């Protein structure tokens, strides 16, 4: 049987562990959200010409940055604007185009 002081210490310790656990879970969510980011400067882009003018095209499919960009594009319906560029996924799904806005 535990004394009142021991009960109080166990309750305080349990509350502390619950707070630490909540902090860890929050940190994991923040880290997970940060990993979604991608750096277009780390992707190989090639100049291209289309019916609407010049743009850049990438098929850098083995690059983790390219894969993260594709996931982000998929989450936005295949098109998005970021840092002054308009990005889109080509119909075949293995190439991405970008053009300055």
Protein backbone atom coordinates (compact mmCIF):
# COMPACT_ATOMS: atom_id res chain seq x y z
CA UNK A 1 0.00 0.00 0.00
CA UNK A 2 1.35 3.46 -0.98
CA UNK A 3 1.38 6.42 1.33
CA UNK A 4 -0.28 9.71 0.39
CA UNK A 5 3.12 11.25 -0.40
CA UNK A 6 4.02 8.34 -2.68
CA UNK A 7 0.62 8.62 -4.42
CA UNK A 8 1.22 12.32 -4.95
CA UNK A 9 4.72 11.68 -6.34
CA UNK A 10 3.41 8.99 -8.72
CA UNK A 11 0.61 11.26 -9.92
CA UNK A 12 3.06 14.12 -10.53
CA UNK A 13 5.46 11.79 -12.35
CA UNK A 14 2.64 10.38 -14.50
CA UNK A 15 1.52 13.92 -15.40
CA UNK A 16 5.11 14.78 -16.31
CA UNK A 17 5.41 11.71 -18.56
CA UNK A 18 2.10 12.54 -20.26
CA UNK A 19 3.33 16.08 -20.94
CA UNK A 20 6.61 14.77 -22.36
CA UNK A 21 4.70 12.33 -24.57
CA UNK A 22 2.45 15.12 -25.85
CA UNK A 23 5.53 17.23 -26.62
CA UNK A 24 7.16 14.37 -28.51
CA UNK A 25 4.02 13.80 -30.58
CA UNK A 26 3.82 17.51 -31.43
CA UNK A 27 7.50 17.56 -32.43
CA UNK A 28 6.98 14.53 -34.69
CA UNK A 29 4.14 16.29 -36.48
CA UNK A 30 6.27 19.39 -37.03
CA UNK A 31 9.18 17.31 -38.35
CA UNK A 32 6.85 15.34 -40.63
CA UNK A 33 5.44 18.59 -42.04
CA UNK A 34 8.95 19.97 -42.61
CA UNK A 35 9.97 16.86 -44.57
CA UNK A 36 7.25 17.56 -47.14
CA UNK A 37 9.27 20.53 -48.37
CA UNK A 38 11.44 20.29 -51.47
CA UNK A 39 14.15 22.45 -52.98
CA UNK A 40 13.75 23.17 -56.72
CA UNK A 41 17.42 24.20 -56.91
CA UNK A 42 18.41 20.60 -56.18
CA UNK A 43 16.41 19.33 -59.16
CA UNK A 44 17.93 19.08 -62.65
CA UNK A 45 15.97 21.36 -65.03
CA UNK A 46 16.39 21.55 -68.79
CA UNK A 47 15.24 24.42 -71.02
CA UNK A 48 12.32 23.56 -73.29
CA UNK A 49 10.00 25.25 -75.77
CA UNK A 50 6.25 24.73 -75.80
CA UNK A 51 3.24 26.20 -77.60
CA UNK A 52 3.01 28.89 -74.90
CA UNK A 53 6.71 29.77 -74.93
CA UNK A 54 9.84 28.82 -73.04
CA UNK A 55 9.76 26.80 -69.85
CA UNK A 56 11.93 24.35 -67.93
CA UNK A 57 11.32 20.62 -67.76
CA UNK A 58 12.57 17.92 -65.39
CA UNK A 59 12.55 14.14 -65.46
CA UNK A 60 14.90 13.82 -62.48
CA UNK A 61 12.87 10.83 -61.21
CA UNK A 62 15.64 9.27 -59.08
CA UNK A 63 16.10 12.50 -57.11
CA UNK A 64 14.40 12.57 -53.66
CA UNK A 65 13.67 16.29 -54.14
CA UNK A 66 11.87 15.51 -57.41
CA UNK A 67 9.84 12.79 -55.68
CA UNK A 68 8.86 15.19 -52.88
CA UNK A 69 7.88 17.79 -55.49
CA UNK A 70 5.70 15.23 -57.28
CA UNK A 71 3.91 14.37 -54.01
CA UNK A 72 3.30 18.06 -53.37
CA UNK A 73 2.00 18.53 -56.91
CA UNK A 74 -0.31 15.52 -56.54
CA UNK A 75 -1.68 17.02 -53.33
CA UNK A 76 -2.47 20.21 -55.29
CA UNK A 77 -4.17 18.56 -58.26
CA UNK A 78 -1.04 18.48 -60.44
CA UNK A 79 -0.44 22.25 -60.49
CA UNK A 80 0.90 24.82 -58.04
CA UNK A 81 2.64 28.17 -57.81
CA UNK A 82 5.64 28.52 -55.52
CA UNK A 83 8.32 31.20 -55.12
CA UNK A 84 7.46 32.90 -58.40
CA UNK A 85 7.22 29.72 -60.50
CA UNK A 86 4.20 27.85 -61.82
CA UNK A 87 4.75 24.06 -61.67
CA UNK A 88 2.70 21.36 -63.39
CA UNK A 89 2.87 17.62 -63.97
CA UNK A 90 2.72 16.40 -67.55
CA UNK A 91 -0.01 13.91 -68.46
CA UNK A 92 2.45 11.00 -68.50
CA UNK A 93 3.24 11.76 -64.85
CA UNK A 94 7.01 11.32 -65.14
CA UNK A 95 7.91 14.89 -66.09
CA UNK A 96 7.33 18.26 -64.46
CA UNK A 97 7.37 21.66 -66.10
CA UNK A 98 7.92 25.05 -64.53
CA UNK A 99 7.62 28.58 -65.81
CA UNK A 100 8.18 31.97 -64.18
CA UNK A 101 4.98 33.75 -63.25
